Amino acid sequence: MGFLSDFLAQLQDEFRGGLWIPGARAVVFDDAGRVLLGQRADNGRWGLITGILEPGEEPAPGLLREVLEETGVVAAAERLVSVDAVGPTTYPNGDVCHFLTLVFRCRYVSGEARVNDDESLAVGWFRPEEFPELMPGHLESIEQARDPDGAARFQG
């Protein structure tokens, strides 16, 4: 079905203005201060590793599942960085979504960064001066995640 599960595709038919979906974004740092990035298969753009949470799934474990599934990297969530409303996002197949995105600062635990599923064209570790052009909001998430003890950010 592509990047949306059959469940979400069925809901899409019911919500013509776009689905409201819980999502998460990982800012994974390794010991050298590099950030894990992936090039998406659906639009060819580079960004942080993201994912849609399954119904009833806790956000941090769900995001760590997505990181492992997409990159082969085992990570640990350290703190919540921000809570953001993102969208609308229109996918190549015409699906429209609005995301409640929870951004987490994570640390590398183990594994080799690699393309581990069909959602990515490339995966790798990058220093800030090596970042490719990133998807909107992703560079801001990285900057907000740099401080390991920073407070969570949200609109208010």
N, C-alpha and C. Protein backbone atom coordinates (compact mmCIF):
# COMPACT_ATOMS: atom_id res chain seq x y z
N MET A 1 0.83 -1.20 0.00
CA MET A 1 0.00 0.00 0.00
C MET A 1 0.86 1.25 0.00
N GLY A 2 2.15 1.14 0.07
CA GLY A 2 3.00 2.32 0.14
C GLY A 2 3.39 2.60 1.57
N PHE A 3 3.48 3.91 1.91
CA PHE A 3 3.96 4.29 3.22
C PHE A 3 2.85 4.36 4.26
N LEU A 4 1.61 4.28 3.84
CA LEU A 4 0.52 4.28 4.80
C LEU A 4 -0.08 2.88 4.88
N SER A 5 -0.38 2.44 6.07
CA SER A 5 -0.95 1.12 6.24
C SER A 5 -2.36 1.09 5.66
N ASP A 6 -2.89 -0.11 5.46
CA ASP A 6 -4.26 -0.25 4.98
C ASP A 6 -5.24 0.48 5.90
N PHE A 7 -4.98 0.41 7.20
CA PHE A 7 -5.81 1.09 8.18
C PHE A 7 -5.86 2.59 7.91
N LEU A 8 -4.71 3.20 7.69
CA LEU A 8 -4.66 4.63 7.43
C LEU A 8 -5.29 4.98 6.09
N ALA A 9 -5.11 4.14 5.11
CA ALA A 9 -5.71 4.39 3.80
C ALA A 9 -7.23 4.40 3.90
N GLN A 10 -7.79 3.52 4.70
CA GLN A 10 -9.24 3.49 4.88
C GLN A 10 -9.72 4.77 5.58
N LEU A 11 -8.96 5.22 6.57
CA LEU A 11 -9.33 6.46 7.25
C LEU A 11 -9.23 7.66 6.32
N GLN A 12 -8.26 7.62 5.40
CA GLN A 12 -8.07 8.71 4.45
C GLN A 12 -9.35 8.96 3.66
N ASP A 13 -10.04 7.89 3.28
CA ASP A 13 -11.29 8.03 2.55
C ASP A 13 -12.35 8.76 3.36
N GLU A 14 -12.30 8.60 4.68
CA GLU A 14 -13.27 9.22 5.56
C GLU A 14 -12.92 10.67 5.90
N PHE A 15 -11.65 11.02 5.85
CA PHE A 15 -11.20 12.35 6.23
C PHE A 15 -10.58 13.04 5.03
N ARG A 16 -11.40 13.64 4.22
CA ARG A 16 -10.95 14.24 2.96
C ARG A 16 -9.95 15.38 3.16
N GLY A 17 -10.01 16.09 4.30
CA GLY A 17 -9.10 17.20 4.55
C GLY A 17 -7.73 16.77 5.01
N GLY A 18 -7.55 15.50 5.20
CA GLY A 18 -6.26 14.97 5.65
C GLY A 18 -6.38 14.33 7.02
N LEU A 19 -5.66 13.27 7.18
CA LEU A 19 -5.65 12.56 8.45
C LEU A 19 -4.80 13.28 9.49
N TRP A 20 -5.19 13.15 10.75
CA TRP A 20 -4.41 13.63 11.87
C TRP A 20 -3.72 12.40 12.45
N ILE A 21 -2.37 12.34 12.33
CA ILE A 21 -1.64 11.12 12.63
C ILE A 21 -0.55 11.40 13.67
N PRO A 22 -0.42 10.52 14.67
CA PRO A 22 0.69 10.66 15.61
C PRO A 22 1.97 10.13 14.98
N GLY A 23 2.99 10.97 14.97
CA GLY A 23 4.26 10.58 14.39
C GLY A 23 5.40 10.94 15.33
N ALA A 24 6.59 10.46 14.98
CA ALA A 24 7.76 10.75 15.80
C ALA A 24 8.97 10.93 14.88
N ARG A 25 9.92 11.70 15.36
CA ARG A 25 11.14 12.05 14.61
C ARG A 25 12.33 11.83 15.54
N ALA A 26 13.36 11.13 15.06
CA ALA A 26 14.54 10.82 15.87
C ALA A 26 15.73 11.68 15.46
N VAL A 27 16.33 12.34 16.45
CA VAL A 27 17.62 12.99 16.25
C VAL A 27 18.62 12.09 16.97
N VAL A 28 19.23 11.18 16.20
CA VAL A 28 20.15 10.19 16.77
C VAL A 28 21.58 10.70 16.60
N PHE A 29 22.27 10.88 17.74
CA PHE A 29 23.67 11.29 17.75
C PHE A 29 24.55 10.08 18.06
N ASP A 30 25.68 9.97 17.36
CA ASP A 30 26.67 8.95 17.73
C ASP A 30 27.70 9.59 18.64
N ASP A 31 28.68 8.81 19.08
CA ASP A 31 29.69 9.32 20.02
C ASP A 31 30.55 10.43 19.43
N ALA A 32 30.63 10.51 18.10
CA ALA A 32 31.41 11.56 17.44
C ALA A 32 30.59 12.82 17.17
N GLY A 33 29.32 12.83 17.60
CA GLY A 33 28.47 14.00 17.38
C GLY A 33 27.81 14.05 16.03
N ARG A 34 27.94 12.96 15.25
CA ARG A 34 27.27 12.91 13.95
C ARG A 34 25.79 12.57 14.14
N VAL A 35 25.00 12.90 13.13
CA VAL A 35 23.55 12.69 13.17
C VAL A 35 23.17 11.66 12.10
N LEU A 36 22.28 10.75 12.46
CA LEU A 36 21.79 9.73 11.53
C LEU A 36 20.72 10.35 10.63
N LEU A 37 20.93 10.28 9.32
CA LEU A 37 19.99 10.82 8.34
C LEU A 37 19.64 9.75 7.31
N GLY A 38 18.47 9.90 6.71
CA GLY A 38 18.05 9.00 5.66
C GLY A 38 17.51 9.77 4.47
N GLN A 39 17.70 9.22 3.30
CA GLN A 39 17.12 9.80 2.08
C GLN A 39 15.85 9.00 1.78
N ARG A 40 14.71 9.68 1.81
CA ARG A 40 13.41 9.01 1.67
C ARG A 40 13.19 8.48 0.26
N ALA A 41 12.58 7.31 0.17
CA ALA A 41 12.29 6.71 -1.13
C ALA A 41 11.09 7.38 -1.80
N ASP A 42 10.16 7.95 -1.01
CA ASP A 42 8.94 8.50 -1.61
C ASP A 42 9.16 9.85 -2.28
N ASN A 43 10.13 10.66 -1.77
CA ASN A 43 10.34 11.98 -2.37
C ASN A 43 11.81 12.31 -2.65
N GLY A 44 12.72 11.40 -2.30
CA GLY A 44 14.14 11.61 -2.56
C GLY A 44 14.83 12.61 -1.65
N ARG A 45 14.13 13.14 -0.66
CA ARG A 45 14.69 14.18 0.21
C ARG A 45 15.37 13.56 1.43
N TRP A 46 16.37 14.27 1.94
CA TRP A 46 17.09 13.84 3.13
C TRP A 46 16.44 14.40 4.38
N GLY A 47 16.49 13.63 5.46
CA GLY A 47 15.96 14.09 6.72
C GLY A 47 16.25 13.14 7.85
N LEU A 48 15.76 13.49 9.00
CA LEU A 48 15.85 12.63 10.18
C LEU A 48 14.97 11.41 9.96
N ILE A 49 15.20 10.40 10.75
CA ILE A 49 14.39 9.19 10.66
C ILE A 49 13.07 9.47 11.37
N THR A 50 11.98 9.20 10.67
CA THR A 50 10.64 9.48 11.19
C THR A 50 9.77 8.24 11.07
N GLY A 51 8.65 8.27 11.76
CA GLY A 51 7.74 7.14 11.64
C GLY A 51 6.37 7.46 12.17
N ILE A 52 5.42 6.69 11.73
CA ILE A 52 4.04 6.77 12.21
C ILE A 52 3.88 5.75 13.32
N LEU A 53 3.32 6.20 14.43
CA LEU A 53 3.11 5.30 15.56
C LEU A 53 1.93 4.39 15.29
N GLU A 54 2.04 3.15 15.70
CA GLU A 54 0.96 2.19 15.57
C GLU A 54 -0.11 2.52 16.62
N PRO A 55 -1.38 2.15 16.39
CA PRO A 55 -2.42 2.40 17.39
C PRO A 55 -2.03 1.82 18.75
N GLY A 56 -2.06 2.68 19.77
CA GLY A 56 -1.75 2.28 21.14
C GLY A 56 -0.27 2.18 21.45
N GLU A 57 0.61 2.46 20.49
CA GLU A 57 2.05 2.33 20.71
C GLU A 57 2.59 3.53 21.47
N GLU A 58 3.46 3.28 22.44
CA GLU A 58 4.13 4.36 23.16
C GLU A 58 5.08 5.08 22.19
N PRO A 59 5.18 6.42 22.25
CA PRO A 59 5.97 7.16 21.27
C PRO A 59 7.46 6.81 21.22
N ALA A 60 8.16 6.80 22.34
CA ALA A 60 9.61 6.55 22.29
C ALA A 60 9.92 5.14 21.80
N PRO A 61 9.32 4.08 22.35
CA PRO A 61 9.60 2.74 21.81
C PRO A 61 9.18 2.61 20.34
N GLY A 62 8.08 3.25 19.96
CA GLY A 62 7.65 3.20 18.56
C GLY A 62 8.66 3.85 17.64
N LEU A 63 9.22 4.97 18.05
CA LEU A 63 10.23 5.64 17.24
C LEU A 63 11.51 4.79 17.16
N LEU A 64 11.92 4.20 18.26
CA LEU A 64 13.12 3.36 18.25
C LEU A 64 12.91 2.14 17.35
N ARG A 65 11.70 1.61 17.31
CA ARG A 65 11.35 0.53 16.38
C ARG A 65 11.54 0.99 14.95
N GLU A 66 11.04 2.19 14.64
CA GLU A 66 11.17 2.75 13.29
C GLU A 66 12.64 2.94 12.91
N VAL A 67 13.45 3.46 13.83
CA VAL A 67 14.88 3.67 13.55
C VAL A 67 15.53 2.34 13.20
N LEU A 68 15.26 1.31 13.99
CA LEU A 68 15.85 -0.01 13.73
C LEU A 68 15.35 -0.57 12.40
N GLU A 69 14.05 -0.50 12.16
CA GLU A 69 13.48 -1.05 10.92
C GLU A 69 14.04 -0.35 9.68
N GLU A 70 14.21 0.95 9.75
CA GLU A 70 14.62 1.71 8.57
C GLU A 70 16.13 1.76 8.36
N THR A 71 16.92 1.66 9.47
CA THR A 71 18.35 1.91 9.34
C THR A 71 19.25 0.80 9.87
N GLY A 72 18.71 -0.17 10.61
CA GLY A 72 19.55 -1.19 11.24
C GLY A 72 20.27 -0.69 12.47
N VAL A 73 19.99 0.53 12.92
CA VAL A 73 20.65 1.12 14.09
C VAL A 73 19.77 0.94 15.32
N VAL A 74 20.39 0.46 16.40
CA VAL A 74 19.72 0.40 17.70
C VAL A 74 20.05 1.72 18.41
N ALA A 75 19.01 2.41 18.86
CA ALA A 75 19.19 3.70 19.54
C ALA A 75 18.42 3.67 20.86
N ALA A 76 18.74 4.62 21.72
CA ALA A 76 18.03 4.80 22.98
C ALA A 76 17.53 6.23 23.03
N ALA A 77 16.28 6.41 23.43
CA ALA A 77 15.72 7.75 23.57
C ALA A 77 16.22 8.38 24.86
N GLU A 78 16.69 9.63 24.75
CA GLU A 78 17.21 10.34 25.93
C GLU A 78 16.25 11.38 26.47
N ARG A 79 15.59 12.11 25.58
CA ARG A 79 14.65 13.13 26.06
C ARG A 79 13.74 13.57 24.93
N LEU A 80 12.59 14.13 25.31
CA LEU A 80 11.68 14.75 24.37
C LEU A 80 12.23 16.12 24.01
N VAL A 81 12.35 16.41 22.72
CA VAL A 81 12.89 17.68 22.24
C VAL A 81 11.77 18.68 21.98
N SER A 82 10.73 18.24 21.27
CA SER A 82 9.64 19.15 20.93
C SER A 82 8.38 18.38 20.57
N VAL A 83 7.28 19.12 20.61
CA VAL A 83 5.98 18.62 20.15
C VAL A 83 5.52 19.62 19.10
N ASP A 84 5.29 19.14 17.89
CA ASP A 84 4.98 20.03 16.78
C ASP A 84 3.79 19.53 15.98
N ALA A 85 3.00 20.45 15.44
CA ALA A 85 1.99 20.13 14.44
C ALA A 85 2.65 20.36 13.08
N VAL A 86 2.69 19.33 12.25
CA VAL A 86 3.38 19.38 10.96
C VAL A 86 2.38 19.05 9.86
N GLY A 87 2.36 19.89 8.85
CA GLY A 87 1.51 19.59 7.70
C GLY A 87 0.69 20.78 7.28
N PRO A 88 -0.11 20.56 6.27
CA PRO A 88 -0.40 19.27 5.66
C PRO A 88 0.77 18.78 4.80
N THR A 89 0.92 17.47 4.77
CA THR A 89 1.91 16.79 3.93
C THR A 89 1.16 16.00 2.88
N THR A 90 1.49 16.23 1.61
CA THR A 90 0.86 15.49 0.52
C THR A 90 1.88 14.51 -0.04
N TYR A 91 1.52 13.23 -0.05
CA TYR A 91 2.40 12.18 -0.56
C TYR A 91 2.21 12.03 -2.06
N PRO A 92 3.19 11.42 -2.74
CA PRO A 92 3.10 11.26 -4.20
C PRO A 92 1.83 10.57 -4.68
N ASN A 93 1.23 9.71 -3.84
CA ASN A 93 0.00 9.02 -4.24
C ASN A 93 -1.25 9.86 -3.96
N GLY A 94 -1.06 11.11 -3.46
CA GLY A 94 -2.17 12.01 -3.22
C GLY A 94 -2.69 12.01 -1.79
N ASP A 95 -2.22 11.11 -0.94
CA ASP A 95 -2.64 11.09 0.46
C ASP A 95 -2.20 12.38 1.13
N VAL A 96 -3.09 12.93 1.97
CA VAL A 96 -2.80 14.16 2.70
C VAL A 96 -2.87 13.84 4.19
N CYS A 97 -1.83 14.26 4.93
CA CYS A 97 -1.78 14.00 6.37
C CYS A 97 -1.33 15.24 7.12
N HIS A 98 -1.81 15.36 8.34
CA HIS A 98 -1.33 16.34 9.31
C HIS A 98 -0.76 15.50 10.45
N PHE A 99 0.42 15.86 10.92
CA PHE A 99 1.09 15.05 11.94
C PHE A 99 1.22 15.80 13.26
N LEU A 100 0.95 15.11 14.35
CA LEU A 100 1.37 15.54 15.67
C LEU A 100 2.71 14.85 15.86
N THR A 101 3.81 15.59 15.75
CA THR A 101 5.14 15.01 15.72
C THR A 101 5.86 15.23 17.05
N LEU A 102 6.29 14.14 17.65
CA LEU A 102 7.09 14.17 18.86
C LEU A 102 8.53 13.94 18.44
N VAL A 103 9.39 14.90 18.74
CA VAL A 103 10.81 14.80 18.36
C VAL A 103 11.60 14.37 19.59
N PHE A 104 12.42 13.33 19.42
CA PHE A 104 13.23 12.81 20.52
C PHE A 104 14.71 12.92 20.20
N ARG A 105 15.50 13.31 21.20
CA ARG A 105 16.95 13.19 21.14
C ARG A 105 17.26 11.75 21.50
N CYS A 106 18.07 11.11 20.66
CA CYS A 106 18.43 9.70 20.88
C CYS A 106 19.94 9.55 20.78
N ARG A 107 20.45 8.48 21.36
CA ARG A 107 21.87 8.17 21.25
C ARG A 107 22.04 6.81 20.60
N TYR A 108 23.10 6.71 19.82
CA TYR A 108 23.46 5.46 19.17
C TYR A 108 23.84 4.43 20.22
N VAL A 109 23.36 3.18 20.03
CA VAL A 109 23.72 2.08 20.92
C VAL A 109 24.55 1.05 20.16
N SER A 110 24.04 0.61 18.99
CA SER A 110 24.76 -0.40 18.22
C SER A 110 24.18 -0.47 16.80
N GLY A 111 24.83 -1.28 15.98
CA GLY A 111 24.35 -1.51 14.62
C GLY A 111 25.09 -0.68 13.59
N GLU A 112 25.01 -1.13 12.35
CA GLU A 112 25.62 -0.43 11.20
C GLU A 112 24.52 0.31 10.46
N ALA A 113 24.70 1.60 10.24
CA ALA A 113 23.71 2.37 9.49
C ALA A 113 23.67 1.87 8.06
N ARG A 114 22.48 1.47 7.62
CA ARG A 114 22.30 0.93 6.27
C ARG A 114 20.84 1.09 5.87
N VAL A 115 20.58 1.00 4.58
CA VAL A 115 19.21 0.94 4.11
C VAL A 115 18.68 -0.43 4.52
N ASN A 116 17.64 -0.42 5.36
CA ASN A 116 17.17 -1.67 5.96
C ASN A 116 15.75 -2.02 5.54
N ASP A 117 15.12 -1.18 4.72
CA ASP A 117 13.78 -1.47 4.21
C ASP A 117 13.57 -0.67 2.93
N ASP A 118 12.36 -0.66 2.42
CA ASP A 118 12.09 0.02 1.15
C ASP A 118 11.70 1.49 1.31
N GLU A 119 11.78 2.04 2.53
CA GLU A 119 11.40 3.43 2.75
C GLU A 119 12.55 4.41 2.52
N SER A 120 13.77 3.89 2.38
CA SER A 120 14.94 4.77 2.23
C SER A 120 15.75 4.39 0.99
N LEU A 121 16.35 5.41 0.39
CA LEU A 121 17.28 5.21 -0.72
C LEU A 121 18.72 5.14 -0.21
N ALA A 122 19.00 5.88 0.87
CA ALA A 122 20.34 5.92 1.46
C ALA A 122 20.20 6.28 2.93
N VAL A 123 21.18 5.86 3.73
CA VAL A 123 21.21 6.14 5.16
C VAL A 123 22.66 6.38 5.53
N GLY A 124 22.92 7.33 6.45
CA GLY A 124 24.29 7.54 6.87
C GLY A 124 24.40 8.51 8.03
N TRP A 125 25.61 8.58 8.57
CA TRP A 125 25.96 9.51 9.65
C TRP A 125 26.60 10.75 9.05
N PHE A 126 26.19 11.93 9.52
CA PHE A 126 26.67 13.19 8.97
C PHE A 126 27.05 14.17 10.07
N ARG A 127 28.18 14.86 9.86
CA ARG A 127 28.54 15.99 10.71
C ARG A 127 27.75 17.20 10.19
N PRO A 128 27.51 18.20 11.05
CA PRO A 128 26.73 19.35 10.60
C PRO A 128 27.23 20.00 9.31
N GLU A 129 28.55 20.08 9.15
CA GLU A 129 29.08 20.71 7.93
C GLU A 129 28.90 19.83 6.70
N GLU A 130 28.48 18.59 6.88
CA GLU A 130 28.27 17.66 5.76
C GLU A 130 26.80 17.44 5.43
N PHE A 131 25.89 18.07 6.20
CA PHE A 131 24.47 17.82 5.99
C PHE A 131 24.07 18.12 4.55
N PRO A 132 23.32 17.21 3.92
CA PRO A 132 22.69 17.54 2.65
C PRO A 132 21.52 18.50 2.93
N GLU A 133 20.90 19.01 1.89
CA GLU A 133 19.70 19.84 2.11
C GLU A 133 18.65 18.97 2.78
N LEU A 134 18.13 19.46 3.91
CA LEU A 134 17.19 18.67 4.72
C LEU A 134 15.75 19.12 4.52
N MET A 135 14.84 18.21 4.81
CA MET A 135 13.41 18.51 4.74
C MET A 135 13.07 19.62 5.73
N PRO A 136 12.00 20.38 5.47
CA PRO A 136 11.63 21.49 6.36
C PRO A 136 11.48 21.04 7.81
N GLY A 137 12.04 21.83 8.71
CA GLY A 137 11.93 21.57 10.14
C GLY A 137 12.97 20.62 10.70
N HIS A 138 13.65 19.86 9.86
CA HIS A 138 14.58 18.86 10.38
C HIS A 138 15.85 19.48 10.94
N LEU A 139 16.39 20.51 10.29
CA LEU A 139 17.57 21.18 10.82
C LEU A 139 17.25 21.83 12.17
N GLU A 140 16.07 22.42 12.29
CA GLU A 140 15.65 23.03 13.56
C GLU A 140 15.57 21.97 14.65
N SER A 141 15.05 20.78 14.31
CA SER A 141 14.99 19.70 15.30
C SER A 141 16.38 19.31 15.77
N ILE A 142 17.33 19.24 14.85
CA ILE A 142 18.71 18.89 15.21
C ILE A 142 19.28 19.94 16.15
N GLU A 143 19.09 21.23 15.82
CA GLU A 143 19.62 22.31 16.66
C GLU A 143 19.01 22.25 18.06
N GLN A 144 17.71 22.00 18.14
CA GLN A 144 17.02 21.94 19.44
C GLN A 144 17.47 20.74 20.26
N ALA A 145 17.91 19.68 19.59
CA ALA A 145 18.30 18.45 20.28
C ALA A 145 19.75 18.47 20.75
N ARG A 146 20.54 19.42 20.32
CA ARG A 146 21.99 19.42 20.65
C ARG A 146 22.25 19.40 22.15
N ASP A 147 21.48 20.16 22.91
CA ASP A 147 21.68 20.22 24.36
C ASP A 147 21.07 18.97 24.99
N PRO A 148 21.89 18.10 25.60
CA PRO A 148 21.34 16.88 26.17
C PRO A 148 20.37 17.12 27.32
N ASP A 149 20.44 18.31 27.93
CA ASP A 149 19.58 18.61 29.08
C ASP A 149 18.54 19.69 28.77
N GLY A 150 18.36 20.03 27.51
CA GLY A 150 17.43 21.10 27.14
C GLY A 150 15.99 20.76 27.48
N ALA A 151 15.19 21.79 27.63
CA ALA A 151 13.76 21.61 27.91
C ALA A 151 13.03 21.32 26.61
N ALA A 152 11.92 20.60 26.71
CA ALA A 152 11.08 20.33 25.54
C ALA A 152 10.47 21.64 25.06
N ARG A 153 10.36 21.79 23.75
CA ARG A 153 9.80 22.99 23.14
C ARG A 153 8.43 22.68 22.58
N PHE A 154 7.52 23.62 22.73
CA PHE A 154 6.19 23.49 22.16
C PHE A 154 5.59 24.87 22.02
N GLN A 155 4.62 25.00 21.13
CA GLN A 155 3.91 26.27 20.96
C GLN A 155 2.99 26.45 22.15
N GLY A 156 2.88 27.67 22.64
CA GLY A 156 2.00 27.84 23.79
C GLY A 156 1.68 29.24 24.10
